[in-house]
Amino acid sequence: MQNRSFLRCESVTQDTAWVRTFSLRVLAKEMAEQCDMGRYLILELPDREGVIQQRNYSIVGRPEADLVEIAVKDTGRSGISSQLHSKVAVDSLLLSAGVGGLITVDSLAGVQRVAMFAGGIGITLPMALIRQLDRRARNKIAPPTVQLFVSVPSLAELPYLDELLAMSLSNAWLDVRIFLTQEKFVSDSRLFTSGRPLRADYTELGTPEIAVICGSLGFVSENRDVLNHLFPETKLLIENFTQVSDQPRNSARGEAACRVTVYATDQQHQVAMDVALLGELDRCNLKIKSQCKSGICGSCRVRLRSGSVRSDGDFALTPREREKGYILACCSYPTSESICIEL
């Protein structure tokens, strides 16, 4: 459930050339109580074209009960992240549409071995969990063994590098490996490796009971497939913050259109074929429950009765649900001239 609240920016810290950490005071007590580290804030902000957009940002720090930290990478594009970099300063007010996500340090309770995979700014979720585990370890609560793989183009683009290295050196339960995908690095240490993780690197993990994956759609999909193949019994906890398209790729909406019929009603609507169904149905005043808008939470599932769709980034549905015709409206795009859906 989404409960809107204003957030006041308390400070802005430049972590790397492209990443800033924003400390935000949550002004509504009810929302502040939901802000566990590892969950995400749903921020609502106009992009450079003035179109209101939502984007999710992991809560990577919580210095006080109503003060949270998020790390934001400036992508250089026209979205919310770039607007946060260019517009938000101390005392700025931001609107949050709520708190989402279910992955917290409590998700790791009772396990002995955890693997974490972070792609670029996707380090925020593992960092939130590792900080919490470190805090528990200092309070004499034994953490699981954690093996963290971070993939990043270059060292200069990795936030929290010094903190990660310090925790790795001082905690026997934490093993960190950093893969530099676009930078040559010559070292005898296994800490830094040029290139992407190889199959041999994954097999060194043993068999983790839980694997946490956070990054772009491509990164998450690749690692999910590798882990499902190597460790089919491992439970996967996934966050993908690549937002689906709510805007048509062509300037003329409806140039490629699909007729949507709502099952057991007389409702029919024309929707664009290159825009995710969720946004198009919302435009037609068909309200569907949703939260993450990135194929993770599964709250926007509907049943496809006829026609066909393309699903990009569905991480929530089970094989059995797909067999029964369920799709996620947030990441499904019509591929036939007409479809029928059951809400």
C-alpha atoms as a PDB file:
ATOM      1  CA  MET A   1       0.000   0.000   0.000  1.00  0.00           C
ATOM      2  CA  GLN A   2       1.322   3.418  -0.896  1.00  0.00           C
ATOM      3  CA  ASN A   3       1.143   6.236   1.698  1.00  0.00           C
ATOM      4  CA  ARG A   4       2.355   9.545   0.344  1.00  0.00           C
ATOM      5  CA  SER A   5       4.663  11.731   2.369  1.00  0.00           C
ATOM      6  CA  PHE A   6       6.987  14.644   1.864  1.00  0.00           C
ATOM      7  CA  LEU A   7      10.703  14.196   2.481  1.00  0.00           C
ATOM      8  CA  ARG A   8      13.054  17.043   3.338  1.00  0.00           C
ATOM      9  CA  CYS A   9      16.634  16.844   2.114  1.00  0.00           C
ATOM     10  CA  GLU A  10      19.018  17.221   5.066  1.00  0.00           C
ATOM     11  CA  SER A  11      22.330  16.763   3.240  1.00  0.00           C
ATOM     12  CA  VAL A  12      23.890  15.779  -0.084  1.00  0.00           C
ATOM     13  CA  THR A  13      27.212  13.934  -0.314  1.00  0.00           C
ATOM     14  CA  GLN A  14      29.221  13.374  -3.500  1.00  0.00           C
ATOM     15  CA  ASP A  15      30.367   9.746  -3.383  1.00  0.00           C
ATOM     16  CA  THR A  16      31.757   9.376  -6.899  1.00  0.00           C
ATOM     17  CA  ALA A  17      31.716  11.587  -9.982  1.00  0.00           C
ATOM     18  CA  TRP A  18      28.263  10.199 -10.830  1.00  0.00           C
ATOM     19  CA  VAL A  19      26.785   9.097  -7.480  1.00  0.00           C
ATOM     20  CA  ARG A  20      25.418  11.232  -4.667  1.00  0.00           C
ATOM     21  CA  THR A  21      23.961  10.169  -1.328  1.00  0.00           C
ATOM     22  CA  PHE A  22      20.886  12.101  -0.224  1.00  0.00           C
ATOM     23  CA  SER A  23      19.892  12.157   3.451  1.00  0.00           C
ATOM     24  CA  LEU A  24      16.126  12.595   3.597  1.00  0.00           C
ATOM     25  CA  ARG A  25      13.950  13.373   6.613  1.00  0.00           C
ATOM     26  CA  VAL A  26      10.652  11.472   6.407  1.00  0.00           C
ATOM     27  CA  LEU A  27       7.949  13.893   7.541  1.00  0.00           C
ATOM     28  CA  ALA A  28       5.172  11.348   8.086  1.00  0.00           C
ATOM     29  CA  LYS A  29       5.591   9.073  11.104  1.00  0.00           C
ATOM     30  CA  GLU A  30       3.644   6.213   9.499  1.00  0.00           C
ATOM     31  CA  MET A  31       6.026   6.121   6.524  1.00  0.00           C
ATOM     32  CA  ALA A  32       9.130   6.540   8.694  1.00  0.00           C
ATOM     33  CA  GLU A  33       8.179   3.382  10.594  1.00  0.00           C
ATOM     34  CA  GLN A  34       8.283   1.424   7.306  1.00  0.00           C
ATOM     35  CA  CYS A  35      11.758   2.587   6.255  1.00  0.00           C
ATOM     36  CA  ASP A  36      13.809  -0.501   7.023  1.00  0.00           C
ATOM     37  CA  MET A  37      17.211  -0.614   5.356  1.00  0.00           C
ATOM     38  CA  GLY A  38      17.025  -2.720   2.200  1.00  0.00           C
ATOM     39  CA  ARG A  39      13.476  -1.629   1.339  1.00  0.00           C
ATOM     40  CA  TYR A  40      13.055   1.187  -1.179  1.00  0.00           C
ATOM     41  CA  LEU A  41      11.536   4.645  -1.336  1.00  0.00           C
ATOM     42  CA  ILE A  42       9.195   5.285  -4.250  1.00  0.00           C
ATOM     43  CA  LEU A  43       9.992   8.843  -5.320  1.00  0.00           C
ATOM     44  CA  GLU A  44       7.679  10.844  -7.548  1.00  0.00           C
ATOM     45  CA  LEU A  45       9.207  13.651  -9.586  1.00  0.00           C
ATOM     46  CA  PRO A  46       8.810  15.273 -13.002  1.00  0.00           C
ATOM     47  CA  ASP A  47      11.461  14.427 -15.587  1.00  0.00           C
ATOM     48  CA  ARG A  48      13.070  17.093 -17.791  1.00  0.00           C
ATOM     49  CA  GLU A  49       9.999  17.082 -20.045  1.00  0.00           C
ATOM     50  CA  GLY A  50       7.729  17.733 -17.068  1.00  0.00           C
ATOM     51  CA  VAL A  51       6.166  14.238 -17.096  1.00  0.00           C
ATOM     52  CA  ILE A  52       5.563  12.896 -13.579  1.00  0.00           C
ATOM     53  CA  GLN A  53       7.540   9.680 -13.096  1.00  0.00           C
ATOM     54  CA  GLN A  54       8.121   7.254 -10.247  1.00  0.00           C
ATOM     55  CA  ARG A  55      11.388   5.547  -9.428  1.00  0.00           C
ATOM     56  CA  ASN A  56      12.544   3.285  -6.604  1.00  0.00           C
ATOM     57  CA  TYR A  57      15.688   3.873  -4.521  1.00  0.00           C
ATOM     58  CA  SER A  58      17.055   1.445  -1.937  1.00  0.00           C
ATOM     59  CA  ILE A  59      17.284   2.710   1.628  1.00  0.00           C
ATOM     60  CA  VAL A  60      20.996   2.175   2.141  1.00  0.00           C
ATOM     61  CA  GLY A  61      21.282   3.960   5.493  1.00  0.00           C
ATOM     62  CA  ARG A  62      19.070   4.966   8.406  1.00  0.00           C
ATOM     63  CA  PRO A  63      21.027   7.126  10.858  1.00  0.00           C
ATOM     64  CA  GLU A  64      17.848   8.038  12.753  1.00  0.00           C
ATOM     65  CA  ALA A  65      14.343   6.587  12.930  1.00  0.00           C
ATOM     66  CA  ASP A  66      12.990   9.210  10.511  1.00  0.00           C
ATOM     67  CA  LEU A  67      16.194   9.937   8.555  1.00  0.00           C
ATOM     68  CA  VAL A  68      17.094   7.718   5.602  1.00  0.00           C
ATOM     69  CA  GLU A  69      19.844   7.664   2.985  1.00  0.00           C
ATOM     70  CA  ILE A  70      19.576   6.822  -0.696  1.00  0.00           C
ATOM     71  CA  ALA A  71      22.350   6.740  -3.295  1.00  0.00           C
ATOM     72  CA  VAL A  72      21.494   8.074  -6.753  1.00  0.00           C
ATOM     73  CA  LYS A  73      23.501   7.742  -9.946  1.00  0.00           C
ATOM     74  CA  ASP A  74      23.243  10.501 -12.551  1.00  0.00           C
ATOM     75  CA  THR A  75      22.579   8.581 -15.743  1.00  0.00           C
ATOM     76  CA  GLY A  76      22.973  11.643 -17.962  1.00  0.00           C
ATOM     77  CA  ARG A  77      19.507  11.034 -19.357  1.00  0.00           C
ATOM     78  CA  SER A  78      16.272  12.913 -18.753  1.00  0.00           C
ATOM     79  CA  GLY A  79      14.848  10.802 -15.923  1.00  0.00           C
ATOM     80  CA  ILE A  80      14.289  11.306 -12.221  1.00  0.00           C
ATOM     81  CA  SER A  81      17.849  10.400 -11.187  1.00  0.00           C
ATOM     82  CA  SER A  82      19.332  13.203 -13.273  1.00  0.00           C
ATOM     83  CA  GLN A  83      16.699  15.594 -11.920  1.00  0.00           C
ATOM     84  CA  LEU A  84      17.636  14.679  -8.361  1.00  0.00           C
ATOM     85  CA  HIS A  85      21.249  15.550  -9.130  1.00  0.00           C
ATOM     86  CA  SER A  86      20.460  18.846 -10.808  1.00  0.00           C
ATOM     87  CA  LYS A  87      17.524  20.109  -8.724  1.00  0.00           C
ATOM     88  CA  VAL A  88      17.676  18.743  -5.170  1.00  0.00           C
ATOM     89  CA  ALA A  89      19.688  20.548  -2.497  1.00  0.00           C
ATOM     90  CA  VAL A  90      19.525  20.919   1.284  1.00  0.00           C
ATOM     91  CA  ASP A  91      15.969  21.825   2.419  1.00  0.00           C
ATOM     92  CA  SER A  92      14.411  20.712  -0.870  1.00  0.00           C
ATOM     93  CA  LEU A  93      11.115  18.868  -0.473  1.00  0.00           C
ATOM     94  CA  LEU A  94      10.484  15.622  -2.329  1.00  0.00           C
ATOM     95  CA  LEU A  95       7.289  13.597  -2.640  1.00  0.00           C
ATOM     96  CA  SER A  96       7.366   9.892  -1.897  1.00  0.00           C
ATOM     97  CA  ALA A  97       4.531   7.630  -3.042  1.00  0.00           C
ATOM     98  CA  GLY A  98       5.412   5.083  -0.381  1.00  0.00           C
ATOM     99  CA  VAL A  99       7.883   2.427   0.714  1.00  0.00           C
ATOM    100  CA  GLY A 100       8.184  -0.884  -1.127  1.00  0.00           C
ATOM    101  CA  GLY A 101      10.265  -4.022  -1.204  1.00  0.00           C
ATOM    102  CA  LEU A 102      10.474  -6.981   1.131  1.00  0.00           C
ATOM    103  CA  ILE A 103      14.231  -7.621   1.276  1.00  0.00           C
ATOM    104  CA  THR A 104      15.706  -6.685   4.656  1.00  0.00           C
ATOM    105  CA  VAL A 105      18.297  -8.183   6.961  1.00  0.00           C
ATOM    106  CA  ASP A 106      15.504 -10.309   8.444  1.00  0.00           C
ATOM    107  CA  SER A 107      15.235 -12.040   5.039  1.00  0.00           C
ATOM    108  CA  LEU A 108      18.597 -13.655   5.834  1.00  0.00           C
ATOM    109  CA  ALA A 109      17.612 -14.995   9.243  1.00  0.00           C
ATOM    110  CA  GLY A 110      18.439 -18.598   9.986  1.00  0.00           C
ATOM    111  CA  VAL A 111      20.773 -19.237   7.029  1.00  0.00           C
ATOM    112  CA  GLN A 112      24.493 -19.991   7.066  1.00  0.00           C
ATOM    113  CA  ARG A 113      25.627 -19.023   3.564  1.00  0.00           C
ATOM    114  CA  VAL A 114      24.542 -16.020   1.473  1.00  0.00           C
ATOM    115  CA  ALA A 115      25.749 -14.851  -1.941  1.00  0.00           C
ATOM    116  CA  MET A 116      25.154 -11.304  -3.163  1.00  0.00           C
ATOM    117  CA  PHE A 117      25.491  -9.952  -6.695  1.00  0.00           C
ATOM    118  CA  ALA A 118      25.539  -6.219  -7.416  1.00  0.00           C
ATOM    119  CA  GLY A 119      25.706  -4.490 -10.773  1.00  0.00           C
ATOM    120  CA  GLY A 120      26.903  -0.877 -10.574  1.00  0.00           C
ATOM    121  CA  ILE A 121      24.579   1.271  -8.459  1.00  0.00           C
ATOM    122  CA  GLY A 122      22.835  -1.994  -7.552  1.00  0.00           C
ATOM    123  CA  ILE A 123      25.405  -2.162  -4.739  1.00  0.00           C
ATOM    124  CA  THR A 124      22.922  -0.182  -2.624  1.00  0.00           C
ATOM    125  CA  LEU A 125      20.796  -3.170  -1.597  1.00  0.00           C
ATOM    126  CA  PRO A 126      23.723  -5.475  -0.656  1.00  0.00           C
ATOM    127  CA  MET A 127      25.358  -2.543   1.129  1.00  0.00           C
ATOM    128  CA  ALA A 128      22.235  -1.974   3.218  1.00  0.00           C
ATOM    129  CA  LEU A 129      22.142  -5.649   4.210  1.00  0.00           C
ATOM    130  CA  ILE A 130      25.874  -5.879   4.928  1.00  0.00           C
ATOM    131  CA  ARG A 131      25.752  -2.779   7.117  1.00  0.00           C
ATOM    132  CA  GLN A 132      22.962  -4.355   9.139  1.00  0.00           C
ATOM    133  CA  LEU A 133      24.813  -7.668   9.423  1.00  0.00           C
ATOM    134  CA  ASP A 134      27.949  -5.813  10.547  1.00  0.00           C
ATOM    135  CA  ARG A 135      25.928  -4.022  13.207  1.00  0.00           C
ATOM    136  CA  ARG A 136      24.537  -7.334  14.438  1.00  0.00           C
ATOM    137  CA  ALA A 137      28.000  -8.916  14.459  1.00  0.00           C
ATOM    138  CA  ARG A 138      29.251  -6.109  16.695  1.00  0.00           C
ATOM    139  CA  ASN A 139      26.314  -6.874  19.009  1.00  0.00           C
ATOM    140  CA  LYS A 140      27.464 -10.528  19.210  1.00  0.00           C
ATOM    141  CA  ILE A 141      24.776 -11.835  16.831  1.00  0.00           C
ATOM    142  CA  ALA A 142      26.516 -14.268  14.486  1.00  0.00           C
ATOM    143  CA  PRO A 143      25.978 -13.327  10.809  1.00  0.00           C
ATOM    144  CA  PRO A 144      25.922 -15.790   7.924  1.00  0.00           C
ATOM    145  CA  THR A 145      28.934 -16.149   5.656  1.00  0.00           C
ATOM    146  CA  VAL A 146      28.473 -13.570   2.893  1.00  0.00           C
ATOM    147  CA  GLN A 147      30.183 -13.652  -0.505  1.00  0.00           C
ATOM    148  CA  LEU A 148      29.692 -10.464  -2.498  1.00  0.00           C
ATOM    149  CA  PHE A 149      30.345 -10.129  -6.230  1.00  0.00           C
ATOM    150  CA  VAL A 150      30.303  -6.536  -7.480  1.00  0.00           C
ATOM    151  CA  SER A 151      30.446  -5.830 -11.216  1.00  0.00           C
ATOM    152  CA  VAL A 152      31.283  -2.254 -12.168  1.00  0.00           C
ATOM    153  CA  PRO A 153      32.911  -0.641 -15.231  1.00  0.00           C
ATOM    154  CA  SER A 154      35.736   0.929 -13.189  1.00  0.00           C
ATOM    155  CA  LEU A 155      36.772   1.473  -9.584  1.00  0.00           C
ATOM    156  CA  ALA A 156      36.013   5.183  -9.895  1.00  0.00           C
ATOM    157  CA  GLU A 157      32.331   4.328 -10.403  1.00  0.00           C
ATOM    158  CA  LEU A 158      31.898   2.218  -7.270  1.00  0.00           C
ATOM    159  CA  PRO A 159      30.406   3.984  -4.240  1.00  0.00           C
ATOM    160  CA  TYR A 160      31.234   2.738  -0.734  1.00  0.00           C
ATOM    161  CA  LEU A 161      34.537   1.247  -1.942  1.00  0.00           C
ATOM    162  CA  ASP A 162      36.544   2.237   1.159  1.00  0.00           C
ATOM    163  CA  GLU A 163      33.813   1.070   3.524  1.00  0.00           C
ATOM    164  CA  LEU A 164      33.472  -2.259   1.713  1.00  0.00           C
ATOM    165  CA  LEU A 165      37.206  -2.898   1.828  1.00  0.00           C
ATOM    166  CA  ALA A 166      37.409  -1.995   5.525  1.00  0.00           C
ATOM    167  CA  MET A 167      34.534  -4.311   6.432  1.00  0.00           C
ATOM    168  CA  SER A 168      35.926  -7.123   4.300  1.00  0.00           C
ATOM    169  CA  LEU A 169      39.344  -6.895   5.978  1.00  0.00           C
ATOM    170  CA  SER A 170      37.906  -6.752   9.495  1.00  0.00           C
ATOM    171  CA  ASN A 171      35.170  -9.396   9.190  1.00  0.00           C
ATOM    172  CA  ALA A 172      35.913 -13.052   8.532  1.00  0.00           C
ATOM    173  CA  TRP A 173      32.267 -13.633   7.550  1.00  0.00           C
ATOM    174  CA  LEU A 174      32.457 -11.217   4.563  1.00  0.00           C
ATOM    175  CA  ASP A 175      34.289 -11.990   1.313  1.00  0.00           C
ATOM    176  CA  VAL A 176      34.224  -9.289  -1.371  1.00  0.00           C
ATOM    177  CA  ARG A 177      35.213  -9.647  -5.023  1.00  0.00           C
ATOM    178  CA  ILE A 178      35.079  -6.689  -7.412  1.00  0.00           C
ATOM    179  CA  PHE A 179      34.922  -7.338 -11.154  1.00  0.00           C
ATOM    180  CA  LEU A 180      36.015  -4.401 -13.329  1.00  0.00           C
ATOM    181  CA  THR A 181      34.195  -4.896 -16.614  1.00  0.00           C
ATOM    182  CA  GLN A 182      35.828  -2.030 -18.535  1.00  0.00           C
ATOM    183  CA  GLU A 183      39.097  -1.417 -16.706  1.00  0.00           C
ATOM    184  CA  LYS A 184      42.354  -3.350 -16.753  1.00  0.00           C
ATOM    185  CA  PHE A 185      43.649  -4.071 -13.276  1.00  0.00           C
ATOM    186  CA  VAL A 186      46.827  -6.020 -12.592  1.00  0.00           C
ATOM    187  CA  SER A 187      46.986  -7.459  -9.083  1.00  0.00           C
ATOM    188  CA  ASP A 188      47.878 -10.664  -7.276  1.00  0.00           C
ATOM    189  CA  SER A 189      44.867 -10.123  -5.017  1.00  0.00           C
ATOM    190  CA  ARG A 190      41.633 -11.968  -5.813  1.00  0.00           C
ATOM    191  CA  LEU A 191      39.789  -8.891  -4.547  1.00  0.00           C
ATOM    192  CA  PHE A 192      40.000  -7.157  -7.940  1.00  0.00           C
ATOM    193  CA  THR A 193      39.497  -8.934 -11.268  1.00  0.00           C
ATOM    194  CA  SER A 194      39.347  -7.494 -14.775  1.00  0.00           C
ATOM    195  CA  GLY A 195      36.363  -8.738 -16.743  1.00  0.00           C
ATOM    196  CA  ARG A 196      33.094 -10.382 -15.752  1.00  0.00           C
ATOM    197  CA  PRO A 197      32.647 -13.324 -13.366  1.00  0.00           C
ATOM    198  CA  LEU A 198      33.328 -16.690 -14.984  1.00  0.00           C
ATOM    199  CA  ARG A 199      31.601 -19.986 -14.278  1.00  0.00           C
ATOM    200  CA  ALA A 200      34.567 -20.996 -12.085  1.00  0.00           C
ATOM    201  CA  ASP A 201      33.977 -17.904  -9.944  1.00  0.00           C
ATOM    202  CA  TYR A 202      30.364 -18.887  -9.361  1.00  0.00           C
ATOM    203  CA  THR A 203      31.217 -22.481  -8.513  1.00  0.00           C
ATOM    204  CA  GLU A 204      33.603 -21.252  -5.807  1.00  0.00           C
ATOM    205  CA  LEU A 205      30.527 -20.029  -3.962  1.00  0.00           C
ATOM    206  CA  GLY A 206      29.602 -23.558  -2.943  1.00  0.00           C
ATOM    207  CA  THR A 207      25.827 -23.737  -2.660  1.00  0.00           C
ATOM    208  CA  PRO A 208      24.412 -20.590  -1.070  1.00  0.00           C
ATOM    209  CA  GLU A 209      21.087 -20.923   0.702  1.00  0.00           C
ATOM    210  CA  ILE A 210      20.082 -17.422  -0.428  1.00  0.00           C
ATOM    211  CA  ALA A 211      21.343 -15.259  -3.272  1.00  0.00           C
ATOM    212  CA  VAL A 212      20.562 -11.542  -3.442  1.00  0.00           C
ATOM    213  CA  ILE A 213      20.729  -9.928  -6.904  1.00  0.00           C
ATOM    214  CA  CYS A 214      20.409  -6.195  -7.559  1.00  0.00           C
ATOM    215  CA  GLY A 215      21.153  -4.283 -10.752  1.00  0.00           C
ATOM    216  CA  SER A 216      19.865  -3.548 -14.224  1.00  0.00           C
ATOM    217  CA  LEU A 217      17.393  -5.793 -16.026  1.00  0.00           C
ATOM    218  CA  GLY A 218      20.175  -7.396 -18.076  1.00  0.00           C
ATOM    219  CA  PHE A 219      22.407  -7.941 -15.051  1.00  0.00           C
ATOM    220  CA  VAL A 220      19.613  -9.448 -12.974  1.00  0.00           C
ATOM    221  CA  SER A 221      18.423 -11.714 -15.799  1.00  0.00           C
ATOM    222  CA  GLU A 222      21.925 -13.021 -16.517  1.00  0.00           C
ATOM    223  CA  ASN A 223      22.723 -13.785 -12.895  1.00  0.00           C
ATOM    224  CA  ARG A 224      19.332 -15.333 -12.242  1.00  0.00           C
ATOM    225  CA  ASP A 225      19.824 -17.727 -15.153  1.00  0.00           C
ATOM    226  CA  VAL A 226      23.346 -18.692 -14.055  1.00  0.00           C
ATOM    227  CA  LEU A 227      22.298 -19.297 -10.457  1.00  0.00           C
ATOM    228  CA  ASN A 228      19.190 -21.255 -11.411  1.00  0.00           C
ATOM    229  CA  HIS A 229      21.401 -23.507 -13.528  1.00  0.00           C
ATOM    230  CA  LEU A 230      24.217 -23.998 -11.015  1.00  0.00           C
ATOM    231  CA  PHE A 231      22.252 -23.879  -7.770  1.00  0.00           C
ATOM    232  CA  PRO A 232      18.601 -24.775  -8.450  1.00  0.00           C
ATOM    233  CA  GLU A 233      17.859 -25.090  -4.715  1.00  0.00           C
ATOM    234  CA  THR A 234      19.109 -21.586  -3.884  1.00  0.00           C
ATOM    235  CA  LYS A 235      16.418 -19.072  -2.956  1.00  0.00           C
ATOM    236  CA  LEU A 236      16.753 -15.893  -5.057  1.00  0.00           C
ATOM    237  CA  LEU A 237      15.948 -12.444  -3.682  1.00  0.00           C
ATOM    238  CA  ILE A 238      15.869  -9.973  -6.578  1.00  0.00           C
ATOM    239  CA  GLU A 239      15.595  -6.211  -7.003  1.00  0.00           C
ATOM    240  CA  ASN A 240      15.608  -4.713 -10.488  1.00  0.00           C
ATOM    241  CA  PHE A 241      15.338  -0.955 -10.677  1.00  0.00           C
ATOM    242  CA  THR A 242      15.197  -0.709 -14.463  1.00  0.00           C
ATOM    243  CA  GLN A 243      11.867   0.998 -14.950  1.00  0.00           C
ATOM    244  CA  VAL A 244       9.632  -0.117 -17.780  1.00  0.00           C
ATOM    245  CA  SER A 245       8.496   2.302 -20.473  1.00  0.00           C
ATOM    246  CA  ASP A 246       5.353   4.301 -19.761  1.00  0.00           C
ATOM    247  CA  GLN A 247       5.954   6.434 -22.832  1.00  0.00           C
ATOM    248  CA  PRO A 248       5.663   5.374 -26.487  1.00  0.00           C
ATOM    249  CA  ARG A 249       8.895   5.008 -28.418  1.00  0.00           C
ATOM    250  CA  ASN A 250       7.199   6.593 -31.417  1.00  0.00           C
ATOM    251  CA  SER A 251       6.052  10.181 -31.129  1.00  0.00           C
ATOM    252  CA  ALA A 252       2.606   9.253 -32.466  1.00  0.00           C
ATOM    253  CA  ARG A 253       0.817   7.203 -29.818  1.00  0.00           C
ATOM    254  CA  GLY A 254      -1.296   4.457 -31.291  1.00  0.00           C
ATOM    255  CA  GLU A 255       0.718   4.125 -34.504  1.00  0.00           C
ATOM    256  CA  ALA A 256       0.886   0.440 -33.569  1.00  0.00           C
ATOM    257  CA  ALA A 257      -2.252  -0.176 -31.518  1.00  0.00           C
ATOM    258  CA  CYS A 258      -3.876  -3.118 -29.794  1.00  0.00           C
ATOM    259  CA  ARG A 259      -7.507  -3.538 -28.740  1.00  0.00           C
ATOM    260  CA  VAL A 260      -7.793  -4.689 -25.117  1.00  0.00           C
ATOM    261  CA  THR A 261     -10.973  -6.389 -23.968  1.00  0.00           C
ATOM    262  CA  VAL A 262     -11.613  -6.846 -20.251  1.00  0.00           C
ATOM    263  CA  TYR A 263     -12.857 -10.389 -19.655  1.00  0.00           C
ATOM    264  CA  ALA A 264     -16.535 -10.787 -18.610  1.00  0.00           C
ATOM    265  CA  THR A 265     -17.276  -7.108 -19.308  1.00  0.00           C
ATOM    266  CA  ASP A 266     -18.119  -5.029 -22.360  1.00  0.00           C
ATOM    267  CA  GLN A 267     -15.066  -2.790 -21.836  1.00  0.00           C
ATOM    268  CA  GLN A 268     -12.698  -2.326 -24.778  1.00  0.00           C
ATOM    269  CA  HIS A 269      -9.759   0.052 -25.044  1.00  0.00           C
ATOM    270  CA  GLN A 270      -7.112   0.945 -27.600  1.00  0.00           C
ATOM    271  CA  VAL A 271      -3.565   0.835 -26.234  1.00  0.00           C
ATOM    272  CA  ALA A 272      -0.113   1.378 -27.717  1.00  0.00           C
ATOM    273  CA  MET A 273       1.892  -1.766 -28.398  1.00  0.00           C
ATOM    274  CA  ASP A 274       5.274  -0.300 -27.429  1.00  0.00           C
ATOM    275  CA  VAL A 275       4.210   0.788 -23.930  1.00  0.00           C
ATOM    276  CA  ALA A 276       3.811  -1.453 -20.891  1.00  0.00           C
ATOM    277  CA  LEU A 277       0.215  -2.505 -20.305  1.00  0.00           C
ATOM    278  CA  LEU A 278       0.153  -1.092 -16.767  1.00  0.00           C
ATOM    279  CA  GLY A 279       0.644   2.487 -17.892  1.00  0.00           C
ATOM    280  CA  GLU A 280      -1.774   2.148 -20.792  1.00  0.00           C
ATOM    281  CA  LEU A 281      -4.510   0.598 -18.642  1.00  0.00           C
ATOM    282  CA  ASP A 282      -4.040   3.365 -16.098  1.00  0.00           C
ATOM    283  CA  ARG A 283      -4.470   5.904 -18.916  1.00  0.00           C
ATOM    284  CA  CYS A 284      -7.775   4.166 -19.718  1.00  0.00           C
ATOM    285  CA  ASN A 285      -8.846   4.497 -16.053  1.00  0.00           C
ATOM    286  CA  LEU A 286      -8.428   0.766 -15.411  1.00  0.00           C
ATOM    287  CA  LYS A 287      -6.671   0.828 -12.065  1.00  0.00           C
ATOM    288  CA  ILE A 288      -4.520  -2.210 -11.273  1.00  0.00           C
ATOM    289  CA  LYS A 289      -2.703  -2.691  -7.985  1.00  0.00           C
ATOM    290  CA  SER A 290       1.012  -2.076  -8.489  1.00  0.00           C
ATOM    291  CA  GLN A 291       4.115  -1.227  -6.528  1.00  0.00           C
ATOM    292  CA  CYS A 292       7.575  -1.844  -7.966  1.00  0.00           C
ATOM    293  CA  LYS A 293       6.780  -1.422 -11.683  1.00  0.00           C
ATOM    294  CA  SER A 294       9.841  -3.516 -12.484  1.00  0.00           C
ATOM    295  CA  GLY A 295       8.612  -7.111 -12.490  1.00  0.00           C
ATOM    296  CA  ILE A 296       9.600  -7.944  -8.915  1.00  0.00           C
ATOM    297  CA  CYS A 297       6.657  -7.682  -6.533  1.00  0.00           C
ATOM    298  CA  GLY A 298       4.047  -9.427  -8.700  1.00  0.00           C
ATOM    299  CA  SER A 299       1.184  -7.242  -7.469  1.00  0.00           C
ATOM    300  CA  CYS A 300       0.114  -6.215 -11.002  1.00  0.00           C
ATOM    301  CA  ARG A 301      -0.558  -9.766 -12.251  1.00  0.00           C
ATOM    302  CA  VAL A 302      -3.477 -10.180 -14.630  1.00  0.00           C
ATOM    303  CA  ARG A 303      -4.596 -13.206 -16.652  1.00  0.00           C
ATOM    304  CA  LEU A 304      -4.209 -13.213 -20.418  1.00  0.00           C
ATOM    305  CA  ARG A 305      -7.291 -14.926 -21.850  1.00  0.00           C
ATOM    306  CA  SER A 306      -6.453 -14.499 -25.541  1.00  0.00           C
ATOM    307  CA  GLY A 307      -3.903 -12.784 -27.747  1.00  0.00           C
ATOM    308  CA  SER A 308      -0.181 -12.500 -27.122  1.00  0.00           C
ATOM    309  CA  VAL A 309       2.234 -10.250 -25.241  1.00  0.00           C
ATOM    310  CA  ARG A 310       5.991  -9.865 -24.844  1.00  0.00           C
ATOM    311  CA  SER A 311       7.160  -9.884 -21.226  1.00  0.00           C
ATOM    312  CA  ASP A 312      10.429  -8.124 -20.396  1.00  0.00           C
ATOM    313  CA  GLY A 313      11.794  -8.602 -16.875  1.00  0.00           C
ATOM    314  CA  ASP A 314       9.206 -10.845 -15.229  1.00  0.00           C
ATOM    315  CA  PHE A 315      10.889 -12.069 -12.024  1.00  0.00           C
ATOM    316  CA  ALA A 316       7.793 -12.696  -9.899  1.00  0.00           C
ATOM    317  CA  LEU A 317       5.607 -15.295 -11.608  1.00  0.00           C
ATOM    318  CA  THR A 318       6.098 -19.008 -11.088  1.00  0.00           C
ATOM    319  CA  PRO A 319       6.212 -21.394 -14.078  1.00  0.00           C
ATOM    320  CA  ARG A 320       2.784 -22.684 -13.049  1.00  0.00           C
ATOM    321  CA  GLU A 321       1.319 -19.165 -13.045  1.00  0.00           C
ATOM    322  CA  ARG A 322       2.736 -18.533 -16.517  1.00  0.00           C
ATOM    323  CA  GLU A 323       1.206 -21.802 -17.743  1.00  0.00           C
ATOM    324  CA  LYS A 324      -2.167 -20.577 -16.497  1.00  0.00           C
ATOM    325  CA  GLY A 325      -1.783 -17.396 -18.546  1.00  0.00           C
ATOM    326  CA  TYR A 326      -0.828 -14.890 -15.875  1.00  0.00           C
ATOM    327  CA  ILE A 327       1.314 -11.912 -16.903  1.00  0.00           C
ATOM    328  CA  LEU A 328       2.670  -8.844 -15.126  1.00  0.00           C
ATOM    329  CA  ALA A 329       1.077  -5.695 -16.523  1.00  0.00           C
ATOM    330  CA  CYS A 330       4.118  -3.582 -15.609  1.00  0.00           C
ATOM    331  CA  CYS A 331       6.457  -5.406 -17.978  1.00  0.00           C
ATOM    332  CA  SER A 332       4.149  -6.845 -20.658  1.00  0.00           C
ATOM    333  CA  TYR A 333       3.714  -5.372 -24.132  1.00  0.00           C
ATOM    334  CA  PRO A 334       0.982  -6.460 -26.599  1.00  0.00           C
ATOM    335  CA  THR A 335       2.233  -8.242 -29.717  1.00  0.00           C
ATOM    336  CA  SER A 336      -1.140  -9.072 -31.299  1.00  0.00           C
ATOM    337  CA  GLU A 337      -3.828  -6.768 -32.673  1.00  0.00           C
ATOM    338  CA  SER A 338      -6.181  -7.689 -29.815  1.00  0.00           C
ATOM    339  CA  ILE A 339      -5.906  -9.257 -26.382  1.00  0.00           C
ATOM    340  CA  CYS A 340      -8.380 -10.203 -23.651  1.00  0.00           C
ATOM    341  CA  ILE A 341      -7.333  -9.872 -20.018  1.00  0.00           C
ATOM    342  CA  GLU A 342      -8.955 -10.878 -16.750  1.00  0.00           C
ATOM    343  CA  LEU A 343      -8.357  -8.393 -13.967  1.00  0.00           C
END
